[in-house]
C-alpha cells in the first residue's frame, strides 16, 4: 500500500489525542510512588492539567496545539528537564511534538488529512 493512502486513513487528530492520553497515563504513573492521600493527588496535578487541556480543546486543534507546546515548555521550566537529555526527551519533547501534530492538522496545506 502507498504511504499517501496509509496517511489518508490515519487521522492525525486521533493520533495526537491518543498520544496525549498515553502521555498523561505515563506522567500519572509517577504518582504511584506516594501512598494514597493528599500527596497522591498532588502528584496527579500534571496529569489532570494535560487531560484537562485535551478535554477543553477537543474540537479546537489550533488552541490545543498552542497550549500543548506551552505545556511542553512549562515542563522544561518547572521540572528542570534541560539538565538531562534523556529526561528532556521523555518529559518535555513529547508534549511539544503533540502540539505540533495538532498544529499540522489545523494547517490547510498539511500533507496529513
C-alpha atoms as a PDB file:
ATOM      1  CA  UNK A   1       0.000   0.000   0.000  1.00  0.00           C
ATOM      2  CA  UNK A   2       1.178   3.513  -0.791  1.00  0.00           C
ATOM      3  CA  UNK A   3       2.351   5.749   2.067  1.00  0.00           C
ATOM      4  CA  UNK A   4      -0.042   8.509   0.995  1.00  0.00           C
ATOM      5  CA  UNK A   5      -3.015   6.144   1.156  1.00  0.00           C
ATOM      6  CA  UNK A   6      -1.982   4.972   4.595  1.00  0.00           C
ATOM      7  CA  UNK A   7      -1.691   8.547   5.832  1.00  0.00           C
ATOM      8  CA  UNK A   8      -5.141   9.377   4.456  1.00  0.00           C
ATOM      9  CA  UNK A   9      -6.627   6.570   6.523  1.00  0.00           C
ATOM     10  CA  UNK A  10      -4.880   7.675   9.698  1.00  0.00           C
ATOM     11  CA  UNK A  11      -6.448  10.746  11.203  1.00  0.00           C
ATOM     12  CA  UNK A  12      -3.675  12.904  12.599  1.00  0.00           C
ATOM     13  CA  UNK A  13      -6.007  14.337  15.196  1.00  0.00           C
ATOM     14  CA  UNK A  14      -6.730  10.870  16.586  1.00  0.00           C
ATOM     15  CA  UNK A  15      -3.024  10.093  16.763  1.00  0.00           C
ATOM     16  CA  UNK A  16      -2.346  13.324  18.673  1.00  0.00           C
ATOM     17  CA  UNK A  17      -5.217  12.673  21.075  1.00  0.00           C
ATOM     18  CA  UNK A  18      -4.092   9.102  21.675  1.00  0.00           C
ATOM     19  CA  UNK A  19      -0.534  10.255  22.330  1.00  0.00           C
ATOM     20  CA  UNK A  20      -1.609  12.834  24.897  1.00  0.00           C
ATOM     21  CA  UNK A  21      -3.763  10.257  26.698  1.00  0.00           C
ATOM     22  CA  UNK A  22      -0.833   7.806  26.765  1.00  0.00           C
ATOM     23  CA  UNK A  23       1.490  10.603  27.934  1.00  0.00           C
ATOM     24  CA  UNK A  24      -0.923  11.586  30.724  1.00  0.00           C
ATOM     25  CA  UNK A  25      -1.051   7.962  31.885  1.00  0.00           C
ATOM     26  CA  UNK A  26       2.764   7.847  31.832  1.00  0.00           C
ATOM     27  CA  UNK A  27       3.026  11.042  33.901  1.00  0.00           C
ATOM     28  CA  UNK A  28       0.316   9.702  36.225  1.00  0.00           C
ATOM     29  CA  UNK A  29       2.417   6.633  36.974  1.00  0.00           C
ATOM     30  CA  UNK A  30       4.810   8.850  38.917  1.00  0.00           C
ATOM     31  CA  UNK A  31       2.044   9.402  41.489  1.00  0.00           C
ATOM     32  CA  UNK A  32       2.144   5.722  42.431  1.00  0.00           C
ATOM     33  CA  UNK A  33       5.309   6.178  44.498  1.00  0.00           C
ATOM     34  CA  UNK A  34       3.270   8.036  47.141  1.00  0.00           C
ATOM     35  CA  UNK A  35       0.799   6.373  49.478  1.00  0.00           C
ATOM     36  CA  UNK A  36      -2.844   7.171  48.856  1.00  0.00           C
ATOM     37  CA  UNK A  37      -3.752  10.515  50.369  1.00  0.00           C
ATOM     38  CA  UNK A  38      -3.155  14.192  49.715  1.00  0.00           C
ATOM     39  CA  UNK A  39       0.339  13.569  48.308  1.00  0.00           C
ATOM     40  CA  UNK A  40      -1.084  11.169  45.744  1.00  0.00           C
ATOM     41  CA  UNK A  41      -3.480  13.823  44.443  1.00  0.00           C
ATOM     42  CA  UNK A  42      -0.779  16.482  44.406  1.00  0.00           C
ATOM     43  CA  UNK A  43       1.346  14.229  42.198  1.00  0.00           C
ATOM     44  CA  UNK A  44      -1.621  13.788  39.846  1.00  0.00           C
ATOM     45  CA  UNK A  45      -1.894  17.552  39.167  1.00  0.00           C
ATOM     46  CA  UNK A  46       0.275  17.443  35.982  1.00  0.00           C
ATOM     47  CA  UNK A  47      -1.821  14.560  34.658  1.00  0.00           C
ATOM     48  CA  UNK A  48      -5.012  16.487  35.304  1.00  0.00           C
ATOM     49  CA  UNK A  49      -3.568  19.559  33.575  1.00  0.00           C
ATOM     50  CA  UNK A  50      -2.750  17.594  30.418  1.00  0.00           C
ATOM     51  CA  UNK A  51      -6.091  15.767  30.365  1.00  0.00           C
ATOM     52  CA  UNK A  52      -7.989  18.950  31.182  1.00  0.00           C
ATOM     53  CA  UNK A  53      -6.327  20.738  28.300  1.00  0.00           C
ATOM     54  CA  UNK A  54      -7.239  17.883  25.983  1.00  0.00           C
ATOM     55  CA  UNK A  55     -10.879  17.893  27.083  1.00  0.00           C
ATOM     56  CA  UNK A  56     -11.266  21.669  26.853  1.00  0.00           C
ATOM     57  CA  UNK A  57      -9.643  21.861  23.414  1.00  0.00           C
ATOM     58  CA  UNK A  58     -11.130  18.651  21.951  1.00  0.00           C
ATOM     59  CA  UNK A  59     -12.723  20.468  18.995  1.00  0.00           C
ATOM     60  CA  UNK A  60     -10.179  23.285  18.689  1.00  0.00           C
ATOM     61  CA  UNK A  61      -6.916  21.847  17.290  1.00  0.00           C
ATOM     62  CA  UNK A  62      -5.256  25.252  16.872  1.00  0.00           C
ATOM     63  CA  UNK A  63      -5.721  26.181  20.527  1.00  0.00           C
ATOM     64  CA  UNK A  64      -4.765  22.640  21.603  1.00  0.00           C
ATOM     65  CA  UNK A  65      -1.545  22.816  19.595  1.00  0.00           C
ATOM     66  CA  UNK A  66      -0.519  26.120  21.110  1.00  0.00           C
ATOM     67  CA  UNK A  67      -1.385  25.033  24.664  1.00  0.00           C
ATOM     68  CA  UNK A  68       0.464  21.722  24.422  1.00  0.00           C
ATOM     69  CA  UNK A  69       3.560  23.479  23.103  1.00  0.00           C
ATOM     70  CA  UNK A  70       3.397  25.876  26.043  1.00  0.00           C
ATOM     71  CA  UNK A  71       2.853  22.969  28.442  1.00  0.00           C
ATOM     72  CA  UNK A  72       5.914  21.233  26.995  1.00  0.00           C
ATOM     73  CA  UNK A  73       7.939  24.400  27.514  1.00  0.00           C
ATOM     74  CA  UNK A  74       6.477  24.653  31.014  1.00  0.00           C
ATOM     75  CA  UNK A  75       7.785  21.206  31.889  1.00  0.00           C
ATOM     76  CA  UNK A  76      11.275  22.406  30.992  1.00  0.00           C
ATOM     77  CA  UNK A  77      10.974  25.272  33.466  1.00  0.00           C
ATOM     78  CA  UNK A  78       9.099  23.516  36.281  1.00  0.00           C
ATOM     79  CA  UNK A  79      10.950  20.178  36.307  1.00  0.00           C
ATOM     80  CA  UNK A  80      14.382  21.385  35.045  1.00  0.00           C
ATOM     81  CA  UNK A  81      14.443  18.720  32.346  1.00  0.00           C
ATOM     82  CA  UNK A  82      17.163  20.564  30.420  1.00  0.00           C
ATOM     83  CA  UNK A  83      19.769  19.106  32.787  1.00  0.00           C
ATOM     84  CA  UNK A  84      19.463  15.538  31.498  1.00  0.00           C
ATOM     85  CA  UNK A  85      18.979  14.861  27.750  1.00  0.00           C
ATOM     86  CA  UNK A  86      17.032  11.618  28.312  1.00  0.00           C
ATOM     87  CA  UNK A  87      14.599  13.222  30.747  1.00  0.00           C
ATOM     88  CA  UNK A  88      14.276  16.192  28.406  1.00  0.00           C
ATOM     89  CA  UNK A  89      13.280  13.911  25.513  1.00  0.00           C
ATOM     90  CA  UNK A  90      10.837  11.824  27.543  1.00  0.00           C
ATOM     91  CA  UNK A  91       9.158  14.546  29.607  1.00  0.00           C
ATOM     92  CA  UNK A  92       9.388  17.807  27.631  1.00  0.00           C
ATOM     93  CA  UNK A  93       9.667  16.988  23.949  1.00  0.00           C
ATOM     94  CA  UNK A  94       6.613  14.720  23.784  1.00  0.00           C
ATOM     95  CA  UNK A  95       4.037  17.468  24.588  1.00  0.00           C
ATOM     96  CA  UNK A  96       5.788  19.775  22.119  1.00  0.00           C
ATOM     97  CA  UNK A  97       5.560  17.110  19.392  1.00  0.00           C
ATOM     98  CA  UNK A  98       1.886  16.571  20.234  1.00  0.00           C
ATOM     99  CA  UNK A  99       1.298  20.309  19.954  1.00  0.00           C
ATOM    100  CA  UNK A 100       2.972  20.331  16.552  1.00  0.00           C
ATOM    101  CA  UNK A 101       0.731  17.435  15.458  1.00  0.00           C
ATOM    102  CA  UNK A 102      -2.336  19.450  16.432  1.00  0.00           C
ATOM    103  CA  UNK A 103      -0.992  22.459  14.530  1.00  0.00           C
ATOM    104  CA  UNK A 104      -0.250  20.326  11.458  1.00  0.00           C
ATOM    105  CA  UNK A 105      -3.837  19.146  11.469  1.00  0.00           C
ATOM    106  CA  UNK A 106      -5.081  22.707  11.547  1.00  0.00           C
ATOM    107  CA  UNK A 107      -2.987  23.948   8.617  1.00  0.00           C
ATOM    108  CA  UNK A 108      -4.794  23.605   5.299  1.00  0.00           C
ATOM    109  CA  UNK A 109      -1.581  22.891   3.356  1.00  0.00           C
ATOM    110  CA  UNK A 110      -0.729  19.937   5.548  1.00  0.00           C
ATOM    111  CA  UNK A 111       0.234  16.612   3.980  1.00  0.00           C
ATOM    112  CA  UNK A 112      -1.836  14.853   6.611  1.00  0.00           C
ATOM    113  CA  UNK A 113      -5.606  14.581   6.457  1.00  0.00           C
END
